[in-house]
Structures are given as C-alpha cells and as structure tokens.
C-alpha cells in the first residue's frame, strides 16, 4: 500500500502520472519503504 504524498496539491494530470509511477513500481516489488509510510 504505497501512498502519494500531498495528493491534494496535484492537478489531474500530475495525479495520473503519480498513479502510473506508484502502481508500476509496486507491481515490480521495488517500492521503497518511505513510500509505504505516512498514509
């Protein structure tokens, strides 16, 4: 369960890019621990 930090500040396009990066990295099993903290 990685999370997008400060998602409330992102535009629609920025949020779309963040979702792409998050899901791709997670499915590869390469999500760093920092991205899974603070949700």
ModelCIF file with pLDDT and N, C-alpha, C, O atoms, coordinates in Angstrom:
data_MODEL
#
_entry.id   MODEL 
#
_entity.id                         1 
_entity.type                       polymer 
_entity.pdbx_number_of_molecules   1 
#
_entity_poly.entity_id                      1 
_entity_poly.type                           'polypeptide(L)' 
_entity_poly.nstd_linkage                   no 
_entity_poly.nstd_monomer                   no 
_entity_poly.pdbx_seq_one_letter_code       
;(UNK)(UNK)(UNK)(UNK)(UNK)(UNK)(UNK)(UNK)(UNK)(UNK)(UNK)(UNK)(UNK)(UNK)(UNK)(UNK)
(UNK)(UNK)(UNK)(UNK)(UNK)(UNK)(UNK)(UNK)(UNK)(UNK)(UNK)(UNK)(UNK)(UNK)(UNK)(UNK)
(UNK)(UNK)(UNK)(UNK)(UNK)(UNK)(UNK)
;
_entity_poly.pdbx_seq_one_letter_code_can   XXXXXXXXXXXXXXXXXXXXXXXXXXXXXXXXXXXXXXX 
_entity_poly.pdbx_strand_id                 A 
#
loop_
_entity_poly_seq.entity_id 
_entity_poly_seq.num 
_entity_poly_seq.mon_id 
_entity_poly_seq.hetero 
1 1  UNK n 
1 2  UNK n 
1 3  UNK n 
1 4  UNK n 
1 5  UNK n 
1 6  UNK n 
1 7  UNK n 
1 8  UNK n 
1 9  UNK n 
1 10 UNK n 
1 11 UNK n 
1 12 UNK n 
1 13 UNK n 
1 14 UNK n 
1 15 UNK n 
1 16 UNK n 
1 17 UNK n 
1 18 UNK n 
1 19 UNK n 
1 20 UNK n 
1 21 UNK n 
1 22 UNK n 
1 23 UNK n 
1 24 UNK n 
1 25 UNK n 
1 26 UNK n 
1 27 UNK n 
1 28 UNK n 
1 29 UNK n 
1 30 UNK n 
1 31 UNK n 
1 32 UNK n 
1 33 UNK n 
1 34 UNK n 
1 35 UNK n 
1 36 UNK n 
1 37 UNK n 
1 38 UNK n 
1 39 UNK n 
#
_struct_asym.id          A 
_struct_asym.entity_id   1 
#
loop_
_ma_qa_metric.id 
_ma_qa_metric.mode 
_ma_qa_metric.name 
_ma_qa_metric.software_group_id 
_ma_qa_metric.type 
1 global pLDDT . pLDDT 
2 local  pLDDT . pLDDT 
#
_ma_qa_metric_global.metric_id      1 
_ma_qa_metric_global.metric_value   89.15 
_ma_qa_metric_global.model_id       1 
_ma_qa_metric_global.ordinal_id     1 
#
loop_
_ma_qa_metric_local.label_asym_id 
_ma_qa_metric_local.label_comp_id 
_ma_qa_metric_local.label_seq_id 
_ma_qa_metric_local.metric_id 
_ma_qa_metric_local.metric_value 
_ma_qa_metric_local.model_id 
_ma_qa_metric_local.ordinal_id 
A UNK 1  2 89.00 1 1  
A UNK 2  2 91.00 1 2  
A UNK 3  2 93.00 1 3  
A UNK 4  2 95.00 1 4  
A UNK 5  2 94.00 1 5  
A UNK 6  2 93.00 1 6  
A UNK 7  2 94.00 1 7  
A UNK 8  2 93.00 1 8  
A UNK 9  2 92.00 1 9  
A UNK 10 2 94.00 1 10 
A UNK 11 2 94.00 1 11 
A UNK 12 2 94.00 1 12 
A UNK 13 2 94.00 1 13 
A UNK 14 2 95.00 1 14 
A UNK 15 2 96.00 1 15 
A UNK 16 2 95.00 1 16 
A UNK 17 2 95.00 1 17 
A UNK 18 2 95.00 1 18 
A UNK 19 2 94.00 1 19 
A UNK 20 2 92.00 1 20 
A UNK 21 2 92.00 1 21 
A UNK 22 2 91.00 1 22 
A UNK 23 2 85.00 1 23 
A UNK 24 2 85.00 1 24 
A UNK 25 2 87.00 1 25 
A UNK 26 2 83.00 1 26 
A UNK 27 2 77.00 1 27 
A UNK 28 2 78.00 1 28 
A UNK 29 2 75.00 1 29 
A UNK 30 2 80.00 1 30 
A UNK 31 2 83.00 1 31 
A UNK 32 2 83.00 1 32 
A UNK 33 2 81.00 1 33 
A UNK 34 2 83.00 1 34 
A UNK 35 2 87.00 1 35 
A UNK 36 2 85.00 1 36 
A UNK 37 2 87.00 1 37 
A UNK 38 2 90.00 1 38 
A UNK 39 2 93.00 1 39 
#
loop_
_atom_site.group_PDB 
_atom_site.id 
_atom_site.type_symbol 
_atom_site.label_atom_id 
_atom_site.label_alt_id 
_atom_site.label_comp_id 
_atom_site.label_asym_id 
_atom_site.label_entity_id 
_atom_site.label_seq_id 
_atom_site.pdbx_PDB_ins_code 
_atom_site.Cartn_x 
_atom_site.Cartn_y 
_atom_site.Cartn_z 
_atom_site.occupancy 
_atom_site.B_iso_or_equiv 
_atom_site.pdbx_formal_charge 
_atom_site.auth_seq_id 
_atom_site.auth_comp_id 
_atom_site.auth_asym_id 
_atom_site.auth_atom_id 
_atom_site.pdbx_PDB_model_num 
ATOM 1   N N  . UNK A 1 1  ? 0.848  -1.196 0.000   1.00 89.00 ? 1  UNK A N  1 
ATOM 2   C CA . UNK A 1 1  ? 0.000  0.000  0.000   1.00 89.00 ? 1  UNK A CA 1 
ATOM 3   C C  . UNK A 1 1  ? 0.881  1.243  0.000   1.00 89.00 ? 1  UNK A C  1 
ATOM 4   O O  . UNK A 1 1  ? 0.990  1.929  1.017   1.00 89.00 ? 1  UNK A O  1 
ATOM 5   N N  . UNK A 1 2  ? 1.511  1.536  -1.138  1.00 91.00 ? 2  UNK A N  1 
ATOM 6   C CA . UNK A 1 2  ? 2.263  2.793  -1.227  1.00 91.00 ? 2  UNK A CA 1 
ATOM 7   C C  . UNK A 1 2  ? 1.303  3.974  -1.288  1.00 91.00 ? 2  UNK A C  1 
ATOM 8   O O  . UNK A 1 2  ? 0.133  3.809  -1.632  1.00 91.00 ? 2  UNK A O  1 
ATOM 9   N N  . UNK A 1 3  ? 1.788  5.153  -0.958  1.00 93.00 ? 3  UNK A N  1 
ATOM 10  C CA . UNK A 1 3  ? 0.899  6.308  -0.979  1.00 93.00 ? 3  UNK A CA 1 
ATOM 11  C C  . UNK A 1 3  ? 1.524  7.487  -1.711  1.00 93.00 ? 3  UNK A C  1 
ATOM 12  O O  . UNK A 1 3  ? 2.745  7.632  -1.775  1.00 93.00 ? 3  UNK A O  1 
ATOM 13  N N  . UNK A 1 4  ? 0.650  8.323  -2.260  1.00 95.00 ? 4  UNK A N  1 
ATOM 14  C CA . UNK A 1 4  ? 1.057  9.526  -2.977  1.00 95.00 ? 4  UNK A CA 1 
ATOM 15  C C  . UNK A 1 4  ? 1.044  10.675 -1.982  1.00 95.00 ? 4  UNK A C  1 
ATOM 16  O O  . UNK A 1 4  ? -0.010 11.059 -1.476  1.00 95.00 ? 4  UNK A O  1 
ATOM 17  N N  . UNK A 1 5  ? 2.211  11.214 -1.709  1.00 94.00 ? 5  UNK A N  1 
ATOM 18  C CA . UNK A 1 5  ? 2.325  12.270 -0.712  1.00 94.00 ? 5  UNK A CA 1 
ATOM 19  C C  . UNK A 1 5  ? 1.676  13.561 -1.209  1.00 94.00 ? 5  UNK A C  1 
ATOM 20  O O  . UNK A 1 5  ? 1.834  13.943 -2.368  1.00 94.00 ? 5  UNK A O  1 
ATOM 21  N N  . UNK A 1 6  ? 0.937  14.233 -0.303  1.00 93.00 ? 6  UNK A N  1 
ATOM 22  C CA . UNK A 1 6  ? 0.292  15.522 -0.591  1.00 93.00 ? 6  UNK A CA 1 
ATOM 23  C C  . UNK A 1 6  ? -0.493 15.478 -1.899  1.00 93.00 ? 6  UNK A C  1 
ATOM 24  O O  . UNK A 1 6  ? -0.360 16.353 -2.755  1.00 93.00 ? 6  UNK A O  1 
ATOM 25  N N  . UNK A 1 7  ? -1.310 14.441 -2.029  1.00 94.00 ? 7  UNK A N  1 
ATOM 26  C CA . UNK A 1 7  ? -2.081 14.266 -3.264  1.00 94.00 ? 7  UNK A CA 1 
ATOM 27  C C  . UNK A 1 7  ? -3.067 15.407 -3.487  1.00 94.00 ? 7  UNK A C  1 
ATOM 28  O O  . UNK A 1 7  ? -3.484 15.651 -4.619  1.00 94.00 ? 7  UNK A O  1 
ATOM 29  N N  . UNK A 1 8  ? -3.440 16.101 -2.428  1.00 93.00 ? 8  UNK A N  1 
ATOM 30  C CA . UNK A 1 8  ? -4.406 17.202 -2.562  1.00 93.00 ? 8  UNK A CA 1 
ATOM 31  C C  . UNK A 1 8  ? -3.840 18.372 -3.366  1.00 93.00 ? 8  UNK A C  1 
ATOM 32  O O  . UNK A 1 8  ? -4.599 19.214 -3.846  1.00 93.00 ? 8  UNK A O  1 
ATOM 33  N N  . UNK A 1 9  ? -2.517 18.432 -3.517  1.00 92.00 ? 9  UNK A N  1 
ATOM 34  C CA . UNK A 1 9  ? -1.883 19.541 -4.241  1.00 92.00 ? 9  UNK A CA 1 
ATOM 35  C C  . UNK A 1 9  ? -1.668 19.244 -5.724  1.00 92.00 ? 9  UNK A C  1 
ATOM 36  O O  . UNK A 1 9  ? -1.184 20.106 -6.458  1.00 92.00 ? 9  UNK A O  1 
ATOM 37  N N  . UNK A 1 10 ? -2.013 18.062 -6.165  1.00 94.00 ? 10 UNK A N  1 
ATOM 38  C CA . UNK A 1 10 ? -1.720 17.649 -7.534  1.00 94.00 ? 10 UNK A CA 1 
ATOM 39  C C  . UNK A 1 10 ? -2.876 17.963 -8.476  1.00 94.00 ? 10 UNK A C  1 
ATOM 40  O O  . UNK A 1 10 ? -4.045 17.857 -8.106  1.00 94.00 ? 10 UNK A O  1 
ATOM 41  N N  . UNK A 1 11 ? -2.528 18.348 -9.693  1.00 94.00 ? 11 UNK A N  1 
ATOM 42  C CA . UNK A 1 11 ? -3.536 18.517 -10.735 1.00 94.00 ? 11 UNK A CA 1 
ATOM 43  C C  . UNK A 1 11 ? -3.973 17.139 -11.224 1.00 94.00 ? 11 UNK A C  1 
ATOM 44  O O  . UNK A 1 11 ? -3.400 16.123 -10.831 1.00 94.00 ? 11 UNK A O  1 
ATOM 45  N N  . UNK A 1 12 ? -4.986 17.113 -12.081 1.00 94.00 ? 12 UNK A N  1 
ATOM 46  C CA . UNK A 1 12 ? -5.460 15.839 -12.620 1.00 94.00 ? 12 UNK A CA 1 
ATOM 47  C C  . UNK A 1 12 ? -4.331 15.108 -13.339 1.00 94.00 ? 12 UNK A C  1 
ATOM 48  O O  . UNK A 1 12 ? -4.147 13.907 -13.144 1.00 94.00 ? 12 UNK A O  1 
ATOM 49  N N  . UNK A 1 13 ? -3.579 15.820 -14.163 1.00 94.00 ? 13 UNK A N  1 
ATOM 50  C CA . UNK A 1 13 ? -2.504 15.179 -14.916 1.00 94.00 ? 13 UNK A CA 1 
ATOM 51  C C  . UNK A 1 13 ? -1.386 14.726 -13.985 1.00 94.00 ? 13 UNK A C  1 
ATOM 52  O O  . UNK A 1 13 ? -0.850 13.631 -14.154 1.00 94.00 ? 13 UNK A O  1 
ATOM 53  N N  . UNK A 1 14 ? -1.029 15.552 -13.004 1.00 95.00 ? 14 UNK A N  1 
ATOM 54  C CA . UNK A 1 14 ? 0.020  15.172 -12.054 1.00 95.00 ? 14 UNK A CA 1 
ATOM 55  C C  . UNK A 1 14 ? -0.397 13.947 -11.236 1.00 95.00 ? 14 UNK A C  1 
ATOM 56  O O  . UNK A 1 14 ? 0.419  13.069 -10.958 1.00 95.00 ? 14 UNK A O  1 
ATOM 57  N N  . UNK A 1 15 ? -1.668 13.900 -10.859 1.00 96.00 ? 15 UNK A N  1 
ATOM 58  C CA . UNK A 1 15 ? -2.154 12.746 -10.107 1.00 96.00 ? 15 UNK A CA 1 
ATOM 59  C C  . UNK A 1 15 ? -2.122 11.489 -10.975 1.00 96.00 ? 15 UNK A C  1 
ATOM 60  O O  . UNK A 1 15 ? -1.794 10.407 -10.489 1.00 96.00 ? 15 UNK A O  1 
ATOM 61  N N  . UNK A 1 16 ? -2.461 11.627 -12.255 1.00 95.00 ? 16 UNK A N  1 
ATOM 62  C CA . UNK A 1 16 ? -2.422 10.485 -13.173 1.00 95.00 ? 16 UNK A CA 1 
ATOM 63  C C  . UNK A 1 16 ? -0.994 9.949  -13.303 1.00 95.00 ? 16 UNK A C  1 
ATOM 64  O O  . UNK A 1 16 ? -0.780 8.737  -13.282 1.00 95.00 ? 16 UNK A O  1 
ATOM 65  N N  . UNK A 1 17 ? -0.025 10.848 -13.436 1.00 95.00 ? 17 UNK A N  1 
ATOM 66  C CA . UNK A 1 17 ? 1.374  10.409 -13.524 1.00 95.00 ? 17 UNK A CA 1 
ATOM 67  C C  . UNK A 1 17 ? 1.819  9.730  -12.230 1.00 95.00 ? 17 UNK A C  1 
ATOM 68  O O  . UNK A 1 17 ? 2.517  8.716  -12.258 1.00 95.00 ? 17 UNK A O  1 
ATOM 69  N N  . UNK A 1 18 ? 1.406  10.302 -11.095 1.00 95.00 ? 18 UNK A N  1 
ATOM 70  C CA . UNK A 1 18 ? 1.785  9.717  -9.808  1.00 95.00 ? 18 UNK A CA 1 
ATOM 71  C C  . UNK A 1 18 ? 1.204  8.316  -9.652  1.00 95.00 ? 18 UNK A C  1 
ATOM 72  O O  . UNK A 1 18 ? 1.879  7.416  -9.151  1.00 95.00 ? 18 UNK A O  1 
ATOM 73  N N  . UNK A 1 19 ? -0.046 8.125  -10.078 1.00 94.00 ? 19 UNK A N  1 
ATOM 74  C CA . UNK A 1 19 ? -0.658 6.799  -10.014 1.00 94.00 ? 19 UNK A CA 1 
ATOM 75  C C  . UNK A 1 19 ? 0.081  5.809  -10.903 1.00 94.00 ? 19 UNK A C  1 
ATOM 76  O O  . UNK A 1 19 ? 0.289  4.660  -10.514 1.00 94.00 ? 19 UNK A O  1 
ATOM 77  N N  . UNK A 1 20 ? 0.477  6.245  -12.092 1.00 92.00 ? 20 UNK A N  1 
ATOM 78  C CA . UNK A 1 20 ? 1.229  5.385  -13.009 1.00 92.00 ? 20 UNK A CA 1 
ATOM 79  C C  . UNK A 1 20 ? 2.535  4.925  -12.378 1.00 92.00 ? 20 UNK A C  1 
ATOM 80  O O  . UNK A 1 20 ? 2.865  3.740  -12.394 1.00 92.00 ? 20 UNK A O  1 
ATOM 81  N N  . UNK A 1 21 ? 3.276  5.885  -11.822 1.00 92.00 ? 21 UNK A N  1 
ATOM 82  C CA . UNK A 1 21 ? 4.565  5.539  -11.200 1.00 92.00 ? 21 UNK A CA 1 
ATOM 83  C C  . UNK A 1 21 ? 4.364  4.621  -9.999  1.00 92.00 ? 21 UNK A C  1 
ATOM 84  O O  . UNK A 1 21 ? 5.100  3.650  -9.821  1.00 92.00 ? 21 UNK A O  1 
ATOM 85  N N  . UNK A 1 22 ? 3.378  4.928  -9.188  1.00 91.00 ? 22 UNK A N  1 
ATOM 86  C CA . UNK A 1 22 ? 3.137  4.152  -7.970  1.00 91.00 ? 22 UNK A CA 1 
ATOM 87  C C  . UNK A 1 22 ? 2.789  2.699  -8.289  1.00 91.00 ? 22 UNK A C  1 
ATOM 88  O O  . UNK A 1 22 ? 3.376  1.777  -7.723  1.00 91.00 ? 22 UNK A O  1 
ATOM 89  N N  . UNK A 1 23 ? 1.834  2.498  -9.197  1.00 85.00 ? 23 UNK A N  1 
ATOM 90  C CA . UNK A 1 23 ? 1.395  1.130  -9.493  1.00 85.00 ? 23 UNK A CA 1 
ATOM 91  C C  . UNK A 1 23 ? 2.476  0.329  -10.206 1.00 85.00 ? 23 UNK A C  1 
ATOM 92  O O  . UNK A 1 23 ? 2.644  -0.860 -9.937  1.00 85.00 ? 23 UNK A O  1 
ATOM 93  N N  . UNK A 1 24 ? 3.208  0.968  -11.108 1.00 85.00 ? 24 UNK A N  1 
ATOM 94  C CA . UNK A 1 24 ? 4.258  0.256  -11.831 1.00 85.00 ? 24 UNK A CA 1 
ATOM 95  C C  . UNK A 1 24 ? 5.356  -0.189 -10.880 1.00 85.00 ? 24 UNK A C  1 
ATOM 96  O O  . UNK A 1 24 ? 5.794  -1.339 -10.924 1.00 85.00 ? 24 UNK A O  1 
ATOM 97  N N  . UNK A 1 25 ? 5.803  0.726  -10.013 1.00 87.00 ? 25 UNK A N  1 
ATOM 98  C CA . UNK A 1 25 ? 6.867  0.401  -9.069  1.00 87.00 ? 25 UNK A CA 1 
ATOM 99  C C  . UNK A 1 25 ? 6.417  -0.666 -8.080  1.00 87.00 ? 25 UNK A C  1 
ATOM 100 O O  . UNK A 1 25 ? 7.190  -1.558 -7.729  1.00 87.00 ? 25 UNK A O  1 
ATOM 101 N N  . UNK A 1 26 ? 5.166  -0.577 -7.629  1.00 83.00 ? 26 UNK A N  1 
ATOM 102 C CA . UNK A 1 26 ? 4.659  -1.551 -6.659  1.00 83.00 ? 26 UNK A CA 1 
ATOM 103 C C  . UNK A 1 26 ? 4.587  -2.941 -7.263  1.00 83.00 ? 26 UNK A C  1 
ATOM 104 O O  . UNK A 1 26 ? 4.976  -3.915 -6.619  1.00 83.00 ? 26 UNK A O  1 
ATOM 105 N N  . UNK A 1 27 ? 4.092  -3.050 -8.501  1.00 77.00 ? 27 UNK A N  1 
ATOM 106 C CA . UNK A 1 27 ? 3.949  -4.370 -9.123  1.00 77.00 ? 27 UNK A CA 1 
ATOM 107 C C  . UNK A 1 27 ? 5.300  -4.995 -9.425  1.00 77.00 ? 27 UNK A C  1 
ATOM 108 O O  . UNK A 1 27 ? 5.414  -6.217 -9.524  1.00 77.00 ? 27 UNK A O  1 
ATOM 109 N N  . UNK A 1 28 ? 6.322  -4.163 -9.571  1.00 78.00 ? 28 UNK A N  1 
ATOM 110 C CA . UNK A 1 28 ? 7.677  -4.687 -9.752  1.00 78.00 ? 28 UNK A CA 1 
ATOM 111 C C  . UNK A 1 28 ? 8.305  -5.080 -8.418  1.00 78.00 ? 28 UNK A C  1 
ATOM 112 O O  . UNK A 1 28 ? 9.382  -5.677 -8.383  1.00 78.00 ? 28 UNK A O  1 
ATOM 113 N N  . UNK A 1 29 ? 7.622  -4.741 -7.315  1.00 75.00 ? 29 UNK A N  1 
ATOM 114 C CA . UNK A 1 29 ? 8.166  -5.042 -5.999  1.00 75.00 ? 29 UNK A CA 1 
ATOM 115 C C  . UNK A 1 29 ? 9.310  -4.143 -5.611  1.00 75.00 ? 29 UNK A C  1 
ATOM 116 O O  . UNK A 1 29 ? 10.136 -4.523 -4.781  1.00 75.00 ? 29 UNK A O  1 
ATOM 117 N N  . UNK A 1 30 ? 9.383  -2.948 -6.194  1.00 80.00 ? 30 UNK A N  1 
ATOM 118 C CA . UNK A 1 30 ? 10.507 -2.048 -5.959  1.00 80.00 ? 30 UNK A CA 1 
ATOM 119 C C  . UNK A 1 30 ? 10.117 -0.800 -5.170  1.00 80.00 ? 30 UNK A C  1 
ATOM 120 O O  . UNK A 1 30 ? 10.864 0.178  -5.159  1.00 80.00 ? 30 UNK A O  1 
ATOM 121 N N  . UNK A 1 31 ? 8.962  -0.820 -4.513  1.00 83.00 ? 31 UNK A N  1 
ATOM 122 C CA . UNK A 1 31 ? 8.528  0.347  -3.754  1.00 83.00 ? 31 UNK A CA 1 
ATOM 123 C C  . UNK A 1 31 ? 9.427  0.547  -2.538  1.00 83.00 ? 31 UNK A C  1 
ATOM 124 O O  . UNK A 1 31 ? 9.545  -0.367 -1.721  1.00 83.00 ? 31 UNK A O  1 
ATOM 125 N N  . UNK A 1 32 ? 10.068 1.714  -2.387  1.00 83.00 ? 32 UNK A N  1 
ATOM 126 C CA . UNK A 1 32 ? 10.912 1.949  -1.212  1.00 83.00 ? 32 UNK A CA 1 
ATOM 127 C C  . UNK A 1 32 ? 10.062 2.082  0.038   1.00 83.00 ? 32 UNK A C  1 
ATOM 128 O O  . UNK A 1 32 ? 8.905  2.494  -0.052  1.00 83.00 ? 32 UNK A O  1 
ATOM 129 N N  . UNK A 1 33 ? 10.606 1.743  1.209   1.00 81.00 ? 33 UNK A N  1 
ATOM 130 C CA . UNK A 1 33 ? 9.826  1.800  2.453   1.00 81.00 ? 33 UNK A CA 1 
ATOM 131 C C  . UNK A 1 33 ? 9.207  3.166  2.715   1.00 81.00 ? 33 UNK A C  1 
ATOM 132 O O  . UNK A 1 33 ? 8.098  3.241  3.244   1.00 81.00 ? 33 UNK A O  1 
ATOM 133 N N  . UNK A 1 34 ? 9.889  4.241  2.360   1.00 83.00 ? 34 UNK A N  1 
ATOM 134 C CA . UNK A 1 34 ? 9.363  5.582  2.637   1.00 83.00 ? 34 UNK A CA 1 
ATOM 135 C C  . UNK A 1 34 ? 8.033  5.824  1.943   1.00 83.00 ? 34 UNK A C  1 
ATOM 136 O O  . UNK A 1 34 ? 7.196  6.570  2.452   1.00 83.00 ? 34 UNK A O  1 
ATOM 137 N N  . UNK A 1 35 ? 7.827  5.202  0.781   1.00 87.00 ? 35 UNK A N  1 
ATOM 138 C CA . UNK A 1 35 ? 6.580  5.393  0.038   1.00 87.00 ? 35 UNK A CA 1 
ATOM 139 C C  . UNK A 1 35 ? 5.415  4.635  0.652   1.00 87.00 ? 35 UNK A C  1 
ATOM 140 O O  . UNK A 1 35 ? 4.268  4.835  0.252   1.00 87.00 ? 35 UNK A O  1 
ATOM 141 N N  . UNK A 1 36 ? 5.694  3.763  1.621   1.00 85.00 ? 36 UNK A N  1 
ATOM 142 C CA . UNK A 1 36 ? 4.640  2.989  2.254   1.00 85.00 ? 36 UNK A CA 1 
ATOM 143 C C  . UNK A 1 36 ? 4.354  3.460  3.675   1.00 85.00 ? 36 UNK A C  1 
ATOM 144 O O  . UNK A 1 36 ? 3.623  2.807  4.419   1.00 85.00 ? 36 UNK A O  1 
ATOM 145 N N  . UNK A 1 37 ? 4.930  4.585  4.042   1.00 87.00 ? 37 UNK A N  1 
ATOM 146 C CA . UNK A 1 37 ? 4.744  5.126  5.380   1.00 87.00 ? 37 UNK A CA 1 
ATOM 147 C C  . UNK A 1 37 ? 3.998  6.449  5.304   1.00 87.00 ? 37 UNK A C  1 
ATOM 148 O O  . UNK A 1 37 ? 4.104  7.179  4.319   1.00 87.00 ? 37 UNK A O  1 
ATOM 149 N N  . UNK A 1 38 ? 3.244  6.749  6.352   1.00 90.00 ? 38 UNK A N  1 
ATOM 150 C CA . UNK A 1 38 ? 2.596  8.049  6.449   1.00 90.00 ? 38 UNK A CA 1 
ATOM 151 C C  . UNK A 1 38 ? 1.307  8.196  5.686   1.00 90.00 ? 38 UNK A C  1 
ATOM 152 O O  . UNK A 1 38 ? 0.861  9.323  5.472   1.00 90.00 ? 38 UNK A O  1 
ATOM 153 N N  . UNK A 1 39 ? 0.672  7.095  5.255   1.00 93.00 ? 39 UNK A N  1 
ATOM 154 C CA . UNK A 1 39 ? -0.590 7.200  4.538   1.00 93.00 ? 39 UNK A CA 1 
ATOM 155 C C  . UNK A 1 39 ? -1.699 7.725  5.442   1.00 93.00 ? 39 UNK A C  1 
ATOM 156 O O  . UNK A 1 39 ? -2.837 7.876  4.998   1.00 93.00 ? 39 UNK A O  1 
#
